[in-house]
Protein backbone atom coordinates (compact mmCIF):
# COMPACT_ATOMS: atom_id res chain seq x y z
CA UNK A 1 39.86 -41.10 -22.39
CA UNK A 2 41.36 -38.29 -20.28
CA UNK A 3 41.07 -38.22 -16.51
CA UNK A 4 38.55 -35.91 -14.83
CA UNK A 5 40.16 -32.46 -14.27
CA UNK A 6 40.69 -31.54 -10.63
CA UNK A 7 41.46 -28.26 -8.87
CA UNK A 8 44.91 -28.06 -7.42
CA UNK A 9 44.75 -28.58 -3.64
CA UNK A 10 47.13 -26.56 -1.52
CA UNK A 11 47.00 -27.06 2.27
CA UNK A 12 45.89 -23.91 4.11
CA UNK A 13 44.31 -22.40 0.99
CA UNK A 14 40.90 -20.85 1.60
CA UNK A 15 38.33 -21.31 -1.22
CA UNK A 16 35.51 -18.82 -1.30
CA UNK A 17 32.53 -19.17 -3.50
CA UNK A 18 30.27 -16.41 -4.79
CA UNK A 19 26.68 -17.47 -5.42
CA UNK A 20 26.08 -14.11 -7.05
CA UNK A 21 28.03 -15.37 -10.02
CA UNK A 22 25.52 -18.11 -10.77
CA UNK A 23 22.19 -16.82 -9.46
CA UNK A 24 21.71 -14.07 -12.15
CA UNK A 25 21.86 -16.63 -14.98
CA UNK A 26 18.92 -15.85 -17.22
CA UNK A 27 19.02 -19.36 -18.71
CA UNK A 28 17.93 -20.79 -15.36
CA UNK A 29 16.01 -17.82 -14.00
CA UNK A 30 13.94 -15.97 -16.67
CA UNK A 31 14.03 -12.59 -14.97
CA UNK A 32 17.01 -12.70 -12.53
CA UNK A 33 16.99 -9.02 -11.54
CA UNK A 34 13.44 -9.16 -10.18
CA UNK A 35 12.44 -10.74 -6.90
CA UNK A 36 10.18 -13.60 -7.94
CA UNK A 37 9.74 -16.51 -5.54
CA UNK A 38 7.64 -18.38 -8.20
CA UNK A 39 10.87 -19.13 -10.11
CA UNK A 40 11.60 -21.74 -7.45
CA UNK A 41 8.24 -23.49 -7.94
CA UNK A 42 7.21 -26.07 -10.58
CA UNK A 43 3.92 -26.03 -12.51
CA UNK A 44 1.98 -27.54 -9.57
CA UNK A 45 3.36 -25.06 -6.99
CA UNK A 46 5.85 -27.39 -5.37
CA UNK A 47 9.47 -26.41 -4.66
CA UNK A 48 11.81 -27.39 -7.46
CA UNK A 49 15.40 -28.09 -6.65
CA UNK A 50 17.91 -26.29 -8.77
CA UNK A 51 21.63 -26.82 -9.18
CA UNK A 52 21.91 -23.05 -9.40
CA UNK A 53 20.62 -22.49 -5.89
CA UNK A 54 23.16 -23.93 -3.48
CA UNK A 55 22.66 -22.17 -0.14
CA UNK A 56 24.62 -24.93 1.73
CA UNK A 57 27.28 -25.56 -0.97
CA UNK A 58 27.52 -28.91 -2.73
CA UNK A 59 29.17 -32.32 -2.95
CA UNK A 60 32.11 -32.92 -0.62
CA UNK A 61 32.01 -29.37 0.84
CA UNK A 62 28.29 -29.45 1.73
CA UNK A 63 27.44 -27.95 5.06
CA UNK A 64 26.89 -30.69 7.68
CA UNK A 65 24.34 -28.49 9.43
CA UNK A 66 22.02 -28.18 6.46
CA UNK A 67 19.40 -30.59 7.84
CA UNK A 68 19.41 -28.87 11.27
CA UNK A 69 19.26 -25.42 9.69
CA UNK A 70 16.31 -26.31 7.47
CA UNK A 71 14.48 -27.95 10.35
CA UNK A 72 15.03 -24.93 12.59
CA UNK A 73 13.89 -22.53 9.90
CA UNK A 74 10.78 -24.66 9.24
CA UNK A 75 9.90 -24.72 13.02
CA UNK A 76 10.57 -20.97 13.41
CA UNK A 77 8.40 -20.00 10.41
CA UNK A 78 5.54 -22.43 11.13
CA UNK A 79 5.37 -21.25 14.76
CA UNK A 80 5.10 -17.62 13.55
CA UNK A 81 2.43 -18.51 11.01
CA UNK A 82 0.48 -20.49 13.64
CA UNK A 83 0.47 -17.85 16.27
CA UNK A 84 0.31 -14.64 14.24
CA UNK A 85 -1.43 -13.13 11.26
CA UNK A 86 1.04 -11.07 9.19
CA UNK A 87 -0.10 -7.78 7.66
CA UNK A 88 1.90 -5.36 5.58
CA UNK A 89 2.10 -1.82 6.82
CA UNK A 90 1.76 -0.55 3.22
CA UNK A 91 -0.41 -1.82 0.34
CA UNK A 92 1.41 -4.90 -1.09
CA UNK A 93 1.10 -3.33 -4.62
CA UNK A 94 3.28 -0.43 -3.37
CA UNK A 95 6.14 -2.57 -2.09
CA UNK A 96 9.38 -1.92 -3.95
CA UNK A 97 11.60 -5.02 -4.13
CA UNK A 98 14.55 -3.22 -5.71
CA UNK A 99 17.75 -4.01 -3.75
CA UNK A 100 18.81 -1.19 -1.40
CA UNK A 101 22.44 -1.68 -2.43
CA UNK A 102 23.95 -3.69 -5.25
CA UNK A 103 27.50 -4.34 -6.21
CA UNK A 104 29.56 -7.01 -4.56
CA UNK A 105 26.39 -8.10 -2.72
CA UNK A 106 22.72 -7.30 -3.16
CA UNK A 107 21.12 -5.97 0.02
CA UNK A 108 17.30 -6.46 0.17
CA UNK A 109 15.32 -3.41 1.18
CA UNK A 110 13.77 -3.15 4.67
CA UNK A 111 10.13 -4.12 5.11
CA UNK A 112 7.69 -3.50 7.90
CA UNK A 113 5.15 -6.07 9.00
CA UNK A 114 2.53 -6.14 11.72
CA UNK A 115 2.37 -9.39 13.74
CA UNK A 116 -1.20 -9.67 14.87
CA UNK A 117 -1.74 -12.43 17.56
CA UNK A 118 -4.26 -15.01 16.44
């Protein structure tokens, strides 16, 4: 039985990860080039965790602020949804979700929303 392979560790070496190398995997995401939030939901509409989606990294290098970031995002979005009705400036059928720039990174297009106080 051979030992588990490990990456060489050199002090002072920066390790950068690129999530764009794993997110377009058509085995995990059926249509990776199209914006489809439903690909992160299971059959009953609940969020399904995926090893391919690691916004806060993984294992020993996981971000210690993940819990705080998720809580802040939850509070921010629920406050907006409680105090405002969101309305698209254009008909939702006419919204183009094609990235504005693609290459090293994909840049989402700009959108305009009206925040109507409730």
